[in-house]
Amino acid sequence: MNQTAKIQEKSWHEKDGIIYFSVTSDGTTGEDWITRLENKGFPVADYPMEVLRSSDFKPTKGLTTEVAVLKGMLFEDNDRIIKKIYAAGVLRNLSRPKAEVACLIREKFTDEDIADMGMCWIATMHEPISSSDTDDVPALAIAFRAINDRCRYENYGKSYSDRWNCDCGFAFAVSQTPTS
């Protein structure tokens, strides 16, 4: 390594299989998130566009969310389902973040950062948002590190018995505090 190379400090830390970091909202609407993410090279597919345009997507401004991402490896294969993941969050006194946290996560971290965290993607465990594109089946927002799927909403909220992969993470809110 070049001695003059600047060592960049990580904007996240891990403790006991949980990744911690914070994000702060800036009032970006769903429509503006589409433009903002695409301008940064994060393509947004048709379905997430509809979710971001939903009246259920409510942006905030100046809300700092301390995020705790439970790594999939914390769960046994049979326990990596929505119902049990939510229950694990509740046991840790975590709450559901705003849906915009998924966009803030995708913008904050590079593909390499997400890989360094030991994950392929992070599902934001917000209140599911329905879309007419999926017959109003609720979905969760997911920030992928895959090159062609960098910001996408998936229909994993459809069944509480669907199993998730062990290389995923589940983002909850530790606290949400307005900034001045």
Protein backbone atom coordinates (compact mmCIF):
# COMPACT_ATOMS: atom_id res chain seq x y z
CA MET A 1 0.00 0.00 0.00
CA ASN A 2 1.26 3.45 -0.91
CA GLN A 3 2.34 5.24 2.28
CA THR A 4 0.86 8.48 1.00
CA ALA A 5 -2.49 6.84 0.40
CA LYS A 6 -5.11 8.28 2.67
CA ILE A 7 -6.68 5.72 4.99
CA GLN A 8 -10.40 6.27 4.98
CA GLU A 9 -12.26 5.63 8.22
CA LYS A 10 -15.34 3.43 7.98
CA SER A 11 -18.68 5.15 8.52
CA TRP A 12 -20.04 2.04 10.21
CA HIS A 13 -19.03 -0.38 12.93
CA GLU A 14 -19.94 -3.92 13.85
CA LYS A 15 -20.62 -5.43 17.23
CA ASP A 16 -21.88 -8.99 17.81
CA GLY A 17 -23.07 -9.45 14.22
CA ILE A 18 -24.92 -6.12 14.12
CA ILE A 19 -23.80 -3.26 11.86
CA TYR A 20 -24.36 0.28 13.20
CA PHE A 21 -24.36 3.64 11.40
CA SER A 22 -26.57 6.69 11.05
CA VAL A 23 -28.30 8.47 8.18
CA THR A 24 -30.07 11.83 8.09
CA SER A 25 -33.01 12.63 5.84
CA ASP A 26 -33.11 15.81 3.80
CA GLY A 27 -36.72 15.97 2.60
CA THR A 28 -36.12 14.20 -0.71
CA THR A 29 -39.40 13.06 -2.21
CA GLY A 30 -39.81 9.64 -3.78
CA GLU A 31 -39.79 11.18 -7.25
CA ASP A 32 -36.61 13.09 -6.45
CA TRP A 33 -35.00 9.91 -5.06
CA ILE A 34 -35.52 8.26 -8.44
CA THR A 35 -33.61 11.05 -10.19
CA ARG A 36 -30.99 11.37 -7.46
CA LEU A 37 -30.15 7.66 -7.36
CA GLU A 38 -30.13 7.25 -11.13
CA ASN A 39 -27.85 10.29 -11.50
CA LYS A 40 -25.40 8.55 -9.14
CA GLY A 41 -25.45 5.36 -11.21
CA PHE A 42 -27.97 3.44 -9.13
CA PRO A 43 -30.70 2.28 -11.54
CA VAL A 44 -34.25 2.16 -10.20
CA ALA A 45 -36.54 -0.39 -11.86
CA ASP A 46 -40.24 0.12 -12.67
CA TYR A 47 -41.62 -1.42 -9.49
CA PRO A 48 -39.52 0.63 -7.06
CA MET A 49 -40.42 3.73 -9.07
CA GLU A 50 -44.06 3.02 -8.37
CA VAL A 51 -43.34 2.47 -4.68
CA LEU A 52 -41.31 5.68 -4.46
CA ARG A 53 -44.20 7.50 -6.15
CA SER A 54 -46.74 6.00 -3.74
CA SER A 55 -48.64 8.31 -1.40
CA ASP A 56 -47.43 5.96 1.37
CA PHE A 57 -43.82 7.08 0.79
CA LYS A 58 -43.50 10.01 3.17
CA PRO A 59 -40.20 11.91 3.17
CA THR A 60 -38.87 13.61 6.28
CA LYS A 61 -36.32 16.38 6.71
CA GLY A 62 -33.63 16.51 9.35
CA LEU A 63 -34.47 13.14 10.87
CA THR A 64 -31.34 11.30 11.96
CA THR A 65 -31.82 7.57 12.19
CA GLU A 66 -29.33 5.43 14.04
CA VAL A 67 -29.52 2.20 12.06
CA ALA A 68 -28.86 -1.31 13.34
CA VAL A 69 -28.52 -3.96 10.63
CA LEU A 70 -29.03 -7.49 11.89
CA LYS A 71 -26.92 -9.78 9.74
CA GLY A 72 -28.67 -12.83 8.30
CA MET A 73 -26.07 -15.08 9.89
CA LEU A 74 -27.62 -14.27 13.29
CA PHE A 75 -30.61 -16.43 12.35
CA GLU A 76 -30.94 -20.16 11.76
CA ASP A 77 -32.12 -20.95 8.22
CA ASN A 78 -35.67 -21.76 9.38
CA ASP A 79 -35.80 -18.57 11.48
CA ARG A 80 -34.82 -16.18 8.67
CA ILE A 81 -38.44 -15.21 7.93
CA ILE A 82 -40.17 -11.83 8.27
CA LYS A 83 -42.14 -12.66 11.40
CA LYS A 84 -39.08 -13.87 13.30
CA ILE A 85 -36.84 -11.10 11.99
CA TYR A 86 -39.31 -8.46 13.22
CA ALA A 87 -39.54 -10.29 16.57
CA ALA A 88 -35.73 -10.25 16.87
CA GLY A 89 -35.78 -6.50 16.28
CA VAL A 90 -38.42 -6.00 18.97
CA LEU A 91 -36.39 -8.07 21.45
CA ARG A 92 -33.46 -5.71 20.83
CA ASN A 93 -35.72 -2.64 21.32
CA LEU A 94 -35.38 -1.73 17.65
CA SER A 95 -38.17 -0.14 15.63
CA ARG A 96 -39.19 0.17 11.99
CA PRO A 97 -37.34 2.93 10.14
CA LYS A 98 -38.92 5.18 7.53
CA ALA A 99 -38.89 3.72 3.99
CA GLU A 100 -36.56 6.51 2.83
CA VAL A 101 -33.82 4.91 4.96
CA ALA A 102 -33.35 2.35 2.15
CA CYS A 103 -32.47 5.15 -0.27
CA LEU A 104 -30.20 6.81 2.30
CA ILE A 105 -28.40 3.49 2.86
CA ARG A 106 -27.91 2.91 -0.87
CA GLU A 107 -26.57 6.43 -1.31
CA LYS A 108 -24.27 6.24 1.73
CA PHE A 109 -22.53 2.96 0.97
CA THR A 110 -20.66 1.71 -2.06
CA ASP A 111 -20.99 -1.85 -3.30
CA GLU A 112 -17.61 -2.51 -1.69
CA ASP A 113 -18.82 -1.15 1.67
CA ILE A 114 -21.80 -3.51 1.67
CA ALA A 115 -19.51 -6.40 0.72
CA ASP A 116 -17.08 -5.39 3.52
CA MET A 117 -20.03 -5.60 5.92
CA GLY A 118 -20.36 -9.23 4.81
CA MET A 119 -23.65 -8.80 2.96
CA CYS A 120 -25.04 -8.80 -0.57
CA TRP A 121 -27.94 -6.54 0.32
CA ILE A 122 -29.77 -4.79 3.14
CA ALA A 123 -33.55 -4.97 3.55
CA THR A 124 -35.03 -1.98 5.33
CA MET A 125 -37.64 -3.29 7.74
CA HIS A 126 -40.03 -0.32 7.34
CA GLU A 127 -43.80 -0.54 7.18
CA PRO A 128 -44.39 -2.37 3.88
CA ILE A 129 -45.62 -0.18 1.01
CA SER A 130 -48.25 -1.46 -1.40
CA SER A 131 -48.17 -0.98 -5.16
CA SER A 132 -50.73 -1.61 -7.87
CA ASP A 133 -47.89 -3.16 -9.87
CA THR A 134 -47.94 -6.11 -7.47
CA ASP A 135 -51.69 -6.24 -6.83
CA ASP A 136 -51.20 -4.13 -3.70
CA VAL A 137 -49.00 -6.73 -2.03
CA PRO A 138 -46.74 -4.90 0.47
CA ALA A 139 -43.01 -4.84 -0.16
CA LEU A 140 -39.82 -3.91 1.69
CA ALA A 141 -37.08 -1.68 0.34
CA ILE A 142 -33.76 -3.33 -0.39
CA ALA A 143 -30.38 -1.78 -1.17
CA PHE A 144 -28.48 -4.28 -3.34
CA ARG A 145 -24.77 -4.26 -4.04
CA ALA A 146 -25.21 -6.17 -7.29
CA ILE A 147 -24.18 -4.04 -10.27
CA ASN A 148 -27.50 -4.14 -12.11
CA ASP A 149 -29.77 -4.02 -9.04
CA ARG A 150 -28.35 -1.26 -6.90
CA CYS A 151 -31.61 0.15 -5.55
CA ARG A 152 -34.67 -1.97 -5.76
CA TYR A 153 -37.80 -2.79 -3.84
CA GLU A 154 -38.63 -6.47 -3.61
CA ASN A 155 -41.84 -8.23 -2.81
CA TYR A 156 -40.41 -10.15 0.15
CA GLY A 157 -43.20 -8.89 2.40
CA LYS A 158 -45.71 -11.07 0.52
CA SER A 159 -45.37 -14.10 2.74
CA TYR A 160 -44.31 -14.21 6.35
CA SER A 161 -42.96 -17.71 5.74
CA ASP A 162 -40.59 -16.87 2.85
CA ARG A 163 -36.98 -17.55 3.89
CA TRP A 164 -34.27 -14.96 3.33
CA ASN A 165 -30.62 -15.67 2.48
CA CYS A 166 -27.92 -15.69 5.14
CA ASP A 167 -25.89 -13.04 3.25
CA CYS A 168 -28.57 -10.40 3.75
CA GLY A 169 -29.00 -7.76 6.43
CA PHE A 170 -32.12 -6.33 8.05
CA ALA A 171 -32.10 -2.61 8.86
CA PHE A 172 -34.00 -1.36 11.90
CA ALA A 173 -34.01 2.03 13.64
CA VAL A 174 -32.27 2.38 16.99
CA SER A 175 -33.54 5.93 17.40
CA GLN A 176 -34.87 8.74 15.29
CA THR A 177 -33.99 12.27 16.33
CA PRO A 178 -34.81 15.54 14.56
CA THR A 179 -31.71 17.65 13.88
CA SER A 180 -31.68 21.41 14.23
